[in-house]
Amino acid sequence: MIEIATSSTTTTLVIAGDLDLAERDQFPEIAARVVGLRRQLLVIDMCRVTFMDSTGAAFLISLADSGRKRGGATVLRGADERDLFVLEVCGALDLFRIDRDHRCESSTPAAGSAHRPVSHPPA
């Protein structure tokens, strides 16, 4: 599940569950909504991501690239080392600012709870 929250300057995506090939059908609509909001800062909250493959990485890369073309920035919050490695292998880690100070509420969602929404205030 992907939730979108906004403030006057920031769009925040809160992702829960898998970010992979099985979820790709929702990526174009979400990308269009995020781009349409035209905020300078995109924060991607990955605290509750349970798995990300190259399809999910491509989605994040496309969001960051769109923002950069408009002069904006994309921050990854709560990404674990495995997710950062996938982005690094894709050669795209430099598209993102990594929030290494953020501490997720829970590092791993309980079994069966990956699709519960998590509320985070906009950055």
Protein backbone atom coordinates (compact mmCIF):
# COMPACT_ATOMS: atom_id res chain seq x y z
CA MET A 1 0.00 0.00 0.00
CA ILE A 2 1.21 3.49 -0.82
CA GLU A 3 -0.26 6.56 0.87
CA ILE A 4 0.35 10.14 -0.22
CA ALA A 5 0.42 13.06 2.21
CA THR A 6 1.23 16.68 1.41
CA SER A 7 2.23 19.92 3.04
CA SER A 8 2.85 23.27 1.37
CA THR A 9 6.38 22.24 0.33
CA THR A 10 6.56 18.46 0.71
CA THR A 11 4.95 15.34 -0.67
CA THR A 12 5.40 12.26 1.49
CA LEU A 13 4.88 8.72 0.22
CA VAL A 14 4.41 6.13 2.94
CA ILE A 15 5.01 2.66 1.55
CA ALA A 16 3.96 -0.52 3.36
CA GLY A 17 4.51 -4.07 2.15
CA ASP A 18 6.29 -5.14 -1.01
CA LEU A 19 7.50 -2.69 -3.64
CA ASP A 20 7.89 -5.07 -6.53
CA LEU A 21 6.64 -6.42 -9.86
CA ALA A 22 3.33 -7.52 -8.33
CA GLU A 23 2.57 -3.90 -7.34
CA ARG A 24 3.64 -2.24 -10.59
CA ASP A 25 0.10 -1.59 -11.87
CA GLN A 26 -0.36 1.19 -9.31
CA PHE A 27 2.99 2.89 -10.04
CA PRO A 28 1.92 5.05 -13.04
CA GLU A 29 -1.09 6.52 -11.21
CA ILE A 30 0.94 7.27 -8.09
CA ALA A 31 3.77 8.81 -10.13
CA ALA A 32 1.28 11.02 -12.00
CA ARG A 33 -0.27 12.20 -8.72
CA VAL A 34 3.13 12.95 -7.17
CA VAL A 35 4.37 14.83 -10.23
CA GLY A 36 1.08 16.72 -10.45
CA LEU A 37 1.48 17.99 -6.89
CA ARG A 38 4.68 19.81 -7.92
CA ARG A 39 6.24 19.98 -4.46
CA GLN A 40 9.97 20.71 -4.23
CA LEU A 41 10.62 17.93 -1.73
CA LEU A 42 9.52 14.32 -2.00
CA VAL A 43 10.01 12.19 1.11
CA ILE A 44 9.68 8.45 0.59
CA ASP A 45 9.04 6.68 3.89
CA MET A 46 10.22 3.09 3.54
CA CYS A 47 9.97 2.05 7.19
CA ARG A 48 7.37 -0.60 6.42
CA VAL A 49 8.71 -1.87 3.10
CA THR A 50 9.12 -5.62 3.42
CA PHE A 51 10.75 -6.27 0.01
CA MET A 52 11.88 -4.23 -2.98
CA ASP A 53 12.97 -5.60 -6.35
CA SER A 54 14.31 -3.82 -9.44
CA THR A 55 10.76 -2.88 -10.51
CA GLY A 56 10.22 -1.08 -7.23
CA ALA A 57 13.64 0.53 -7.53
CA ALA A 58 12.77 1.73 -11.06
CA PHE A 59 9.60 3.31 -9.66
CA LEU A 60 11.57 5.19 -6.98
CA ILE A 61 14.20 6.21 -9.53
CA SER A 62 11.54 7.60 -11.87
CA LEU A 63 10.06 9.66 -9.01
CA ALA A 64 13.47 11.03 -8.03
CA ASP A 65 14.39 11.78 -11.63
CA SER A 66 11.11 13.66 -12.23
CA GLY A 67 11.68 15.75 -9.13
CA ARG A 68 15.27 16.50 -10.02
CA LYS A 69 14.25 17.70 -13.49
CA ARG A 70 12.02 20.27 -11.75
CA GLY A 71 14.79 21.33 -9.38
CA GLY A 72 13.45 19.31 -6.45
CA ALA A 73 14.94 16.70 -4.15
CA THR A 74 13.94 13.21 -3.04
CA VAL A 75 14.67 11.89 0.44
CA LEU A 76 14.59 8.23 1.41
CA ARG A 77 13.56 7.76 5.03
CA GLY A 78 13.73 4.39 6.74
CA ALA A 79 15.35 2.53 3.84
CA ASP A 80 17.31 -0.49 5.00
CA GLU A 81 20.71 -1.49 3.67
CA ARG A 82 19.20 -4.06 1.29
CA ASP A 83 17.03 -1.40 -0.38
CA LEU A 84 19.96 1.01 -0.62
CA PHE A 85 22.05 -1.77 -2.18
CA VAL A 86 19.40 -2.35 -4.88
CA LEU A 87 19.46 1.36 -5.73
CA GLU A 88 23.25 1.39 -5.71
CA VAL A 89 23.41 -1.60 -8.09
CA CYS A 90 21.02 0.29 -10.37
CA GLY A 91 23.49 3.19 -10.33
CA ALA A 92 20.88 5.55 -8.91
CA LEU A 93 21.73 6.05 -5.25
CA ASP A 94 23.04 9.56 -5.98
CA LEU A 95 19.49 10.63 -7.03
CA PHE A 96 18.43 10.42 -3.39
CA ARG A 97 19.22 12.10 -0.12
CA ILE A 98 19.34 9.43 2.56
CA ASP A 99 17.84 10.34 5.93
CA ARG A 100 20.09 8.31 8.21
CA ASP A 101 18.82 10.07 11.35
CA HIS A 102 15.21 8.85 11.03
CA ARG A 103 14.21 6.02 13.33
CA CYS A 104 11.23 3.96 12.26
CA GLU A 105 8.52 3.14 14.79
CA SER A 106 9.13 -0.55 14.19
CA SER A 107 11.91 -1.96 12.06
CA THR A 108 9.85 -4.93 10.88
CA PRO A 109 6.06 -5.08 10.62
CA ALA A 110 4.37 -7.93 12.43
CA ALA A 111 3.35 -10.87 10.28
CA GLY A 112 0.17 -10.09 8.41
CA SER A 113 0.31 -6.38 9.18
CA ALA A 114 2.30 -5.18 6.17
CA HIS A 115 -0.77 -3.50 4.68
CA ARG A 116 -1.81 -1.44 7.71
CA PRO A 117 -1.38 2.27 7.06
CA VAL A 118 1.19 4.14 9.11
CA SER A 119 0.73 7.82 9.86
CA HIS A 120 3.79 10.04 9.77
CA PRO A 121 3.66 13.82 9.87
CA PRO A 122 4.97 15.44 6.69
CA ALA A 123 8.65 16.32 6.79
